[in-house]
């Protein structure tokens, strides 16, 4: 059985995949779009029966707090820009009163947590356990670690995602095909092995392994945000204020 607490433990990008899978089970054709932080569309769904076609845009929000009017208004504008039949916002939480009013004004379909779990239990009743392991190279959440940061980066010319927990930094490569995303764990660093770091414009250098030091040079899309997340590692990587100086 699907429950809200279970959904909140799913990685946000995997939550999108789950919502797409749900609509597939309901008979829709689905297409997941590129990951973005600019309010773009997560999923496109469509159905075509005997010449009657319908196309909707779906925004998936794995939230613990309510979705407010600002976000509803932002996603509601997509229906006018993208020439579709409508927009659906799916969340694990709920919508504020003003958010619901805004949704009704733009004819948005709002799916809140209780309805979402009801739909999952109806269309995907036996997939709760298997979902985490299907077609994935790594599931950080299976280790019981809470993800508090996810950042786009480049290392040695390869685009990756850095997944941060309080114990590790996971280097995750995602290959995106037309209808699927495949994850591959290419490296894991223990927080206790970090002995220093240096930030330089868009680059970040992480020093690991006190006995055999290694420098990892990363190009970070949002270095300031990443550096703020790394503050949670300070007790580990600032043991004795051990920092590396670059000439």
C-alpha atoms as a PDB file:
ATOM      1  CA  UNK A   1       0.000   0.000   0.000  1.00  0.00           C
ATOM      2  CA  UNK A   2       1.197   3.483  -0.858  1.00  0.00           C
ATOM      3  CA  UNK A   3       1.356   6.068   1.938  1.00  0.00           C
ATOM      4  CA  UNK A   4       2.321   9.738   2.092  1.00  0.00           C
ATOM      5  CA  UNK A   5       5.361   9.070   4.282  1.00  0.00           C
ATOM      6  CA  UNK A   6       6.649   6.608   1.706  1.00  0.00           C
ATOM      7  CA  UNK A   7       6.247   9.141  -1.104  1.00  0.00           C
ATOM      8  CA  UNK A   8       8.099  11.839   0.839  1.00  0.00           C
ATOM      9  CA  UNK A   9      11.171   9.587   1.001  1.00  0.00           C
ATOM     10  CA  UNK A  10      11.379   9.313  -2.779  1.00  0.00           C
ATOM     11  CA  UNK A  11      13.925  11.464  -4.599  1.00  0.00           C
ATOM     12  CA  UNK A  12      12.110  14.387  -6.343  1.00  0.00           C
ATOM     13  CA  UNK A  13      13.172  13.191  -9.790  1.00  0.00           C
ATOM     14  CA  UNK A  14      12.042   9.658  -9.048  1.00  0.00           C
ATOM     15  CA  UNK A  15       8.751  11.078  -7.833  1.00  0.00           C
ATOM     16  CA  UNK A  16       8.275  12.548 -11.305  1.00  0.00           C
ATOM     17  CA  UNK A  17       8.968   9.121 -12.770  1.00  0.00           C
ATOM     18  CA  UNK A  18       6.409   7.564 -10.441  1.00  0.00           C
ATOM     19  CA  UNK A  19       3.735  10.094 -11.444  1.00  0.00           C
ATOM     20  CA  UNK A  20       4.476   9.408 -15.124  1.00  0.00           C
ATOM     21  CA  UNK A  21       4.160   5.677 -14.456  1.00  0.00           C
ATOM     22  CA  UNK A  22       0.815   6.243 -12.746  1.00  0.00           C
ATOM     23  CA  UNK A  23      -0.595   8.050 -15.781  1.00  0.00           C
ATOM     24  CA  UNK A  24       0.711   5.276 -18.031  1.00  0.00           C
ATOM     25  CA  UNK A  25      -1.258   2.802 -15.920  1.00  0.00           C
ATOM     26  CA  UNK A  26      -4.310   5.015 -16.440  1.00  0.00           C
ATOM     27  CA  UNK A  27      -3.934   4.639 -20.201  1.00  0.00           C
ATOM     28  CA  UNK A  28      -2.066   7.827 -21.121  1.00  0.00           C
ATOM     29  CA  UNK A  29       1.014   8.171 -23.276  1.00  0.00           C
ATOM     30  CA  UNK A  30       3.675   9.969 -21.239  1.00  0.00           C
ATOM     31  CA  UNK A  31       6.865  11.857 -21.957  1.00  0.00           C
ATOM     32  CA  UNK A  32       9.172  13.081 -19.223  1.00  0.00           C
ATOM     33  CA  UNK A  33      10.899  16.358 -19.993  1.00  0.00           C
ATOM     34  CA  UNK A  34      14.414  17.504 -19.119  1.00  0.00           C
ATOM     35  CA  UNK A  35      15.021  18.287 -15.462  1.00  0.00           C
ATOM     36  CA  UNK A  36      14.926  21.996 -14.712  1.00  0.00           C
ATOM     37  CA  UNK A  37      14.463  24.498 -11.907  1.00  0.00           C
ATOM     38  CA  UNK A  38      12.801  27.190 -13.951  1.00  0.00           C
ATOM     39  CA  UNK A  39       9.170  26.124 -13.562  1.00  0.00           C
ATOM     40  CA  UNK A  40       9.247  24.008 -16.700  1.00  0.00           C
ATOM     41  CA  UNK A  41       7.045  21.033 -17.401  1.00  0.00           C
ATOM     42  CA  UNK A  42       7.870  17.732 -15.691  1.00  0.00           C
ATOM     43  CA  UNK A  43       5.634  15.413 -17.720  1.00  0.00           C
ATOM     44  CA  UNK A  44       3.483  15.577 -20.840  1.00  0.00           C
ATOM     45  CA  UNK A  45       0.567  13.159 -21.062  1.00  0.00           C
ATOM     46  CA  UNK A  46      -1.690  12.541 -24.024  1.00  0.00           C
ATOM     47  CA  UNK A  47      -4.394  10.203 -25.194  1.00  0.00           C
ATOM     48  CA  UNK A  48      -5.806   9.599 -28.663  1.00  0.00           C
ATOM     49  CA  UNK A  49      -8.941   7.525 -29.104  1.00  0.00           C
ATOM     50  CA  UNK A  50     -10.729   7.355 -32.451  1.00  0.00           C
ATOM     51  CA  UNK A  51      -9.396  10.751 -33.501  1.00  0.00           C
ATOM     52  CA  UNK A  52     -10.184  12.438 -30.184  1.00  0.00           C
ATOM     53  CA  UNK A  53      -6.894  13.760 -28.841  1.00  0.00           C
ATOM     54  CA  UNK A  54      -6.120  15.345 -25.499  1.00  0.00           C
ATOM     55  CA  UNK A  55      -2.782  16.661 -24.226  1.00  0.00           C
ATOM     56  CA  UNK A  56      -2.016  17.768 -20.687  1.00  0.00           C
ATOM     57  CA  UNK A  57       1.033  19.061 -18.881  1.00  0.00           C
ATOM     58  CA  UNK A  58       1.787  17.630 -15.436  1.00  0.00           C
ATOM     59  CA  UNK A  59       3.844  19.263 -12.703  1.00  0.00           C
ATOM     60  CA  UNK A  60       4.916  16.867  -9.923  1.00  0.00           C
ATOM     61  CA  UNK A  61       5.741  18.376  -6.520  1.00  0.00           C
ATOM     62  CA  UNK A  62       7.065  16.127  -3.761  1.00  0.00           C
ATOM     63  CA  UNK A  63       6.350  18.588  -0.945  1.00  0.00           C
ATOM     64  CA  UNK A  64       5.690  18.255   2.767  1.00  0.00           C
ATOM     65  CA  UNK A  65       4.224  21.766   3.010  1.00  0.00           C
ATOM     66  CA  UNK A  66       1.228  23.143   1.075  1.00  0.00           C
ATOM     67  CA  UNK A  67       1.546  24.455  -2.480  1.00  0.00           C
ATOM     68  CA  UNK A  68       0.707  28.156  -2.547  1.00  0.00           C
ATOM     69  CA  UNK A  69      -1.002  30.515  -4.962  1.00  0.00           C
ATOM     70  CA  UNK A  70       2.267  31.736  -6.505  1.00  0.00           C
ATOM     71  CA  UNK A  71       3.243  28.292  -7.785  1.00  0.00           C
ATOM     72  CA  UNK A  72      -0.286  27.465  -8.916  1.00  0.00           C
ATOM     73  CA  UNK A  73      -0.414  30.735 -10.894  1.00  0.00           C
ATOM     74  CA  UNK A  74       3.010  30.022 -12.420  1.00  0.00           C
ATOM     75  CA  UNK A  75       2.081  26.538 -13.618  1.00  0.00           C
ATOM     76  CA  UNK A  76      -1.386  27.651 -14.657  1.00  0.00           C
ATOM     77  CA  UNK A  77       0.135  29.982 -17.233  1.00  0.00           C
ATOM     78  CA  UNK A  78       1.619  26.958 -19.012  1.00  0.00           C
ATOM     79  CA  UNK A  79      -1.766  26.013 -20.464  1.00  0.00           C
ATOM     80  CA  UNK A  80      -1.875  29.326 -22.328  1.00  0.00           C
ATOM     81  CA  UNK A  81       1.739  29.201 -23.520  1.00  0.00           C
ATOM     82  CA  UNK A  82       1.903  25.563 -24.602  1.00  0.00           C
ATOM     83  CA  UNK A  83      -1.437  25.183 -26.416  1.00  0.00           C
ATOM     84  CA  UNK A  84      -2.632  22.170 -24.408  1.00  0.00           C
ATOM     85  CA  UNK A  85      -5.974  21.075 -23.002  1.00  0.00           C
ATOM     86  CA  UNK A  86      -4.931  21.734 -19.445  1.00  0.00           C
ATOM     87  CA  UNK A  87      -2.412  21.510 -16.613  1.00  0.00           C
ATOM     88  CA  UNK A  88      -2.350  19.053 -13.730  1.00  0.00           C
ATOM     89  CA  UNK A  89      -0.412  19.728 -10.522  1.00  0.00           C
ATOM     90  CA  UNK A  90       0.296  16.626  -8.455  1.00  0.00           C
ATOM     91  CA  UNK A  91       1.637  16.981  -4.913  1.00  0.00           C
ATOM     92  CA  UNK A  92       2.272  14.781  -1.894  1.00  0.00           C
ATOM     93  CA  UNK A  93       0.910  17.564   0.323  1.00  0.00           C
ATOM     94  CA  UNK A  94      -2.034  19.914  -0.230  1.00  0.00           C
ATOM     95  CA  UNK A  95      -2.904  23.321  -1.682  1.00  0.00           C
ATOM     96  CA  UNK A  96      -3.617  26.500   0.221  1.00  0.00           C
ATOM     97  CA  UNK A  97      -7.096  28.008  -0.017  1.00  0.00           C
ATOM     98  CA  UNK A  98      -5.818  30.752  -2.308  1.00  0.00           C
ATOM     99  CA  UNK A  99      -4.014  28.134  -4.360  1.00  0.00           C
ATOM    100  CA  UNK A 100      -7.263  26.213  -4.915  1.00  0.00           C
ATOM    101  CA  UNK A 101      -9.061  29.399  -5.952  1.00  0.00           C
ATOM    102  CA  UNK A 102      -6.296  30.193  -8.429  1.00  0.00           C
ATOM    103  CA  UNK A 103      -6.490  26.661  -9.790  1.00  0.00           C
ATOM    104  CA  UNK A 104     -10.237  26.928 -10.329  1.00  0.00           C
ATOM    105  CA  UNK A 105      -9.767  30.266 -12.112  1.00  0.00           C
ATOM    106  CA  UNK A 106      -7.461  28.669 -14.695  1.00  0.00           C
ATOM    107  CA  UNK A 107      -9.242  25.300 -14.820  1.00  0.00           C
ATOM    108  CA  UNK A 108      -6.264  23.449 -13.355  1.00  0.00           C
ATOM    109  CA  UNK A 109      -6.599  19.924 -12.012  1.00  0.00           C
ATOM    110  CA  UNK A 110      -5.106  19.739  -8.513  1.00  0.00           C
ATOM    111  CA  UNK A 111      -4.223  16.317  -7.105  1.00  0.00           C
ATOM    112  CA  UNK A 112      -3.384  16.343  -3.395  1.00  0.00           C
ATOM    113  CA  UNK A 113      -1.609  13.682  -1.332  1.00  0.00           C
ATOM    114  CA  UNK A 114      -4.654  11.660  -0.180  1.00  0.00           C
ATOM    115  CA  UNK A 115      -6.073  11.462  -3.706  1.00  0.00           C
ATOM    116  CA  UNK A 116      -2.642  10.595  -5.107  1.00  0.00           C
ATOM    117  CA  UNK A 117      -2.199   7.652  -2.734  1.00  0.00           C
ATOM    118  CA  UNK A 118      -5.733   6.504  -3.554  1.00  0.00           C
ATOM    119  CA  UNK A 119      -4.882   6.570  -7.271  1.00  0.00           C
ATOM    120  CA  UNK A 120      -1.594   4.719  -6.700  1.00  0.00           C
ATOM    121  CA  UNK A 121      -3.258   2.067  -4.586  1.00  0.00           C
ATOM    122  CA  UNK A 122      -5.875   1.578  -7.305  1.00  0.00           C
ATOM    123  CA  UNK A 123      -3.617   1.522 -10.389  1.00  0.00           C
ATOM    124  CA  UNK A 124      -0.284   0.411  -8.873  1.00  0.00           C
ATOM    125  CA  UNK A 125      -1.266  -1.570  -5.753  1.00  0.00           C
ATOM    126  CA  UNK A 126       1.709  -3.953  -5.641  1.00  0.00           C
ATOM    127  CA  UNK A 127       4.520  -1.703  -6.833  1.00  0.00           C
ATOM    128  CA  UNK A 128       5.476   0.227  -3.714  1.00  0.00           C
ATOM    129  CA  UNK A 129       8.486  -1.937  -2.820  1.00  0.00           C
ATOM    130  CA  UNK A 130       9.624  -2.743  -6.337  1.00  0.00           C
ATOM    131  CA  UNK A 131       9.471   0.854  -7.575  1.00  0.00           C
ATOM    132  CA  UNK A 132      12.639   1.879  -5.733  1.00  0.00           C
ATOM    133  CA  UNK A 133      14.705  -0.848  -7.383  1.00  0.00           C
ATOM    134  CA  UNK A 134      13.305  -0.950 -10.911  1.00  0.00           C
ATOM    135  CA  UNK A 135      15.665   0.318 -13.588  1.00  0.00           C
ATOM    136  CA  UNK A 136      17.943   2.239 -11.252  1.00  0.00           C
ATOM    137  CA  UNK A 137      21.667   2.188 -10.700  1.00  0.00           C
ATOM    138  CA  UNK A 138      21.493   3.603  -7.177  1.00  0.00           C
ATOM    139  CA  UNK A 139      18.895   4.413  -4.561  1.00  0.00           C
ATOM    140  CA  UNK A 140      20.424   6.527  -1.816  1.00  0.00           C
ATOM    141  CA  UNK A 141      17.221   6.353   0.181  1.00  0.00           C
ATOM    142  CA  UNK A 142      17.475   2.574   0.546  1.00  0.00           C
ATOM    143  CA  UNK A 143      20.460   3.183   2.838  1.00  0.00           C
ATOM    144  CA  UNK A 144      18.229   5.181   5.169  1.00  0.00           C
ATOM    145  CA  UNK A 145      20.107   8.412   4.428  1.00  0.00           C
ATOM    146  CA  UNK A 146      18.186  11.647   4.027  1.00  0.00           C
ATOM    147  CA  UNK A 147      19.075  13.646   0.922  1.00  0.00           C
ATOM    148  CA  UNK A 148      19.506  17.344   1.760  1.00  0.00           C
ATOM    149  CA  UNK A 149      21.113  18.548  -1.464  1.00  0.00           C
ATOM    150  CA  UNK A 150      21.265  17.712  -5.151  1.00  0.00           C
ATOM    151  CA  UNK A 151      23.493  19.721  -7.484  1.00  0.00           C
ATOM    152  CA  UNK A 152      24.351  19.645 -11.162  1.00  0.00           C
ATOM    153  CA  UNK A 153      28.097  19.434 -11.808  1.00  0.00           C
ATOM    154  CA  UNK A 154      30.780  18.458 -14.293  1.00  0.00           C
ATOM    155  CA  UNK A 155      33.835  16.342 -13.485  1.00  0.00           C
ATOM    156  CA  UNK A 156      36.434  15.317 -16.058  1.00  0.00           C
ATOM    157  CA  UNK A 157      34.046  16.420 -18.809  1.00  0.00           C
ATOM    158  CA  UNK A 158      31.169  14.266 -17.539  1.00  0.00           C
ATOM    159  CA  UNK A 159      27.898  15.846 -16.440  1.00  0.00           C
ATOM    160  CA  UNK A 160      26.749  14.391 -13.139  1.00  0.00           C
ATOM    161  CA  UNK A 161      24.553  15.058 -10.128  1.00  0.00           C
ATOM    162  CA  UNK A 162      26.068  15.398  -6.680  1.00  0.00           C
ATOM    163  CA  UNK A 163      23.676  13.904  -4.127  1.00  0.00           C
ATOM    164  CA  UNK A 164      24.463  15.017  -0.575  1.00  0.00           C
ATOM    165  CA  UNK A 165      23.533  13.255   2.640  1.00  0.00           C
ATOM    166  CA  UNK A 166      25.007  13.768   6.089  1.00  0.00           C
ATOM    167  CA  UNK A 167      27.194  10.693   5.573  1.00  0.00           C
ATOM    168  CA  UNK A 168      28.209  10.773   1.924  1.00  0.00           C
ATOM    169  CA  UNK A 169      28.462  12.610  -1.365  1.00  0.00           C
ATOM    170  CA  UNK A 170      27.165  10.421  -4.195  1.00  0.00           C
ATOM    171  CA  UNK A 171      28.326  11.033  -7.761  1.00  0.00           C
ATOM    172  CA  UNK A 172      25.352  10.095  -9.895  1.00  0.00           C
ATOM    173  CA  UNK A 173      25.227  10.033 -13.675  1.00  0.00           C
ATOM    174  CA  UNK A 174      21.811  10.214 -15.332  1.00  0.00           C
ATOM    175  CA  UNK A 175      21.325   9.149 -18.921  1.00  0.00           C
ATOM    176  CA  UNK A 176      18.100  10.529 -20.376  1.00  0.00           C
ATOM    177  CA  UNK A 177      16.381   8.772 -23.264  1.00  0.00           C
ATOM    178  CA  UNK A 178      13.117   9.830 -24.890  1.00  0.00           C
ATOM    179  CA  UNK A 179      10.885   8.034 -22.395  1.00  0.00           C
ATOM    180  CA  UNK A 180      13.206   7.020 -19.595  1.00  0.00           C
ATOM    181  CA  UNK A 181      15.993   8.035 -17.251  1.00  0.00           C
ATOM    182  CA  UNK A 182      18.740   5.697 -16.098  1.00  0.00           C
ATOM    183  CA  UNK A 183      20.844   6.348 -13.015  1.00  0.00           C
ATOM    184  CA  UNK A 184      24.375   5.135 -12.491  1.00  0.00           C
ATOM    185  CA  UNK A 185      26.409   5.521  -9.304  1.00  0.00           C
ATOM    186  CA  UNK A 186      29.953   6.330 -10.400  1.00  0.00           C
ATOM    187  CA  UNK A 187      31.436   7.230  -7.011  1.00  0.00           C
ATOM    188  CA  UNK A 188      30.671   7.635  -3.308  1.00  0.00           C
ATOM    189  CA  UNK A 189      32.694   9.730  -0.874  1.00  0.00           C
ATOM    190  CA  UNK A 190      32.452   9.357   2.887  1.00  0.00           C
ATOM    191  CA  UNK A 191      32.001  12.694   4.655  1.00  0.00           C
ATOM    192  CA  UNK A 192      34.651  11.632   7.169  1.00  0.00           C
ATOM    193  CA  UNK A 193      37.241  11.399   4.364  1.00  0.00           C
ATOM    194  CA  UNK A 194      36.909  15.082   3.361  1.00  0.00           C
ATOM    195  CA  UNK A 195      39.891  17.026   4.701  1.00  0.00           C
ATOM    196  CA  UNK A 196      39.597  20.298   2.800  1.00  0.00           C
ATOM    197  CA  UNK A 197      37.956  22.288   0.051  1.00  0.00           C
ATOM    198  CA  UNK A 198      38.426  25.464  -1.948  1.00  0.00           C
ATOM    199  CA  UNK A 199      35.930  27.383  -4.047  1.00  0.00           C
ATOM    200  CA  UNK A 200      37.104  29.392  -7.063  1.00  0.00           C
ATOM    201  CA  UNK A 201      34.438  31.136  -9.198  1.00  0.00           C
ATOM    202  CA  UNK A 202      32.431  28.207 -10.643  1.00  0.00           C
ATOM    203  CA  UNK A 203      34.964  25.570  -9.654  1.00  0.00           C
ATOM    204  CA  UNK A 204      35.187  23.632  -6.443  1.00  0.00           C
ATOM    205  CA  UNK A 205      38.099  21.532  -5.251  1.00  0.00           C
ATOM    206  CA  UNK A 206      37.429  18.820  -2.690  1.00  0.00           C
ATOM    207  CA  UNK A 207      40.366  17.175  -0.922  1.00  0.00           C
ATOM    208  CA  UNK A 208      39.823  13.656   0.375  1.00  0.00           C
ATOM    209  CA  UNK A 209      41.787  10.902   2.117  1.00  0.00           C
ATOM    210  CA  UNK A 210      44.270  12.155   4.703  1.00  0.00           C
ATOM    211  CA  UNK A 211      46.752   9.300   4.114  1.00  0.00           C
ATOM    212  CA  UNK A 212      46.721   9.473   0.307  1.00  0.00           C
ATOM    213  CA  UNK A 213      45.304  12.921  -0.534  1.00  0.00           C
ATOM    214  CA  UNK A 214      43.284  13.258  -3.716  1.00  0.00           C
ATOM    215  CA  UNK A 215      41.926  16.473  -5.216  1.00  0.00           C
ATOM    216  CA  UNK A 216      38.576  16.353  -7.040  1.00  0.00           C
ATOM    217  CA  UNK A 217      38.028  19.324  -9.369  1.00  0.00           C
ATOM    218  CA  UNK A 218      34.350  20.016 -10.016  1.00  0.00           C
ATOM    219  CA  UNK A 219      32.522  22.618 -12.062  1.00  0.00           C
ATOM    220  CA  UNK A 220      29.324  23.442 -10.154  1.00  0.00           C
ATOM    221  CA  UNK A 221      26.281  25.125 -11.697  1.00  0.00           C
ATOM    222  CA  UNK A 222      25.293  26.721  -8.373  1.00  0.00           C
ATOM    223  CA  UNK A 223      28.523  26.859  -6.330  1.00  0.00           C
ATOM    224  CA  UNK A 224      27.105  29.096  -3.596  1.00  0.00           C
ATOM    225  CA  UNK A 225      24.206  26.735  -2.884  1.00  0.00           C
ATOM    226  CA  UNK A 226      26.524  23.730  -2.942  1.00  0.00           C
ATOM    227  CA  UNK A 227      28.968  25.413  -0.559  1.00  0.00           C
ATOM    228  CA  UNK A 228      26.103  26.172   1.842  1.00  0.00           C
ATOM    229  CA  UNK A 229      25.082  22.513   1.805  1.00  0.00           C
ATOM    230  CA  UNK A 230      28.664  21.471   2.474  1.00  0.00           C
ATOM    231  CA  UNK A 231      28.547  23.457   5.722  1.00  0.00           C
ATOM    232  CA  UNK A 232      26.837  20.398   7.190  1.00  0.00           C
ATOM    233  CA  UNK A 233      30.115  18.558   6.640  1.00  0.00           C
ATOM    234  CA  UNK A 234      32.231  21.140   8.497  1.00  0.00           C
ATOM    235  CA  UNK A 235      32.901  18.984  11.583  1.00  0.00           C
ATOM    236  CA  UNK A 236      34.415  16.414   9.213  1.00  0.00           C
ATOM    237  CA  UNK A 237      36.406  18.357   6.639  1.00  0.00           C
ATOM    238  CA  UNK A 238      37.651  21.086   8.982  1.00  0.00           C
ATOM    239  CA  UNK A 239      39.307  18.772  11.495  1.00  0.00           C
ATOM    240  CA  UNK A 240      42.119  20.945  12.775  1.00  0.00           C
ATOM    241  CA  UNK A 241      41.312  23.539  10.071  1.00  0.00           C
ATOM    242  CA  UNK A 242      43.018  21.326   7.470  1.00  0.00           C
ATOM    243  CA  UNK A 243      42.746  23.195   4.168  1.00  0.00           C
ATOM    244  CA  UNK A 244      44.674  22.879   0.934  1.00  0.00           C
ATOM    245  CA  UNK A 245      46.369  25.947  -0.544  1.00  0.00           C
ATOM    246  CA  UNK A 246      46.504  26.358  -4.283  1.00  0.00           C
ATOM    247  CA  UNK A 247      49.227  28.436  -5.878  1.00  0.00           C
END
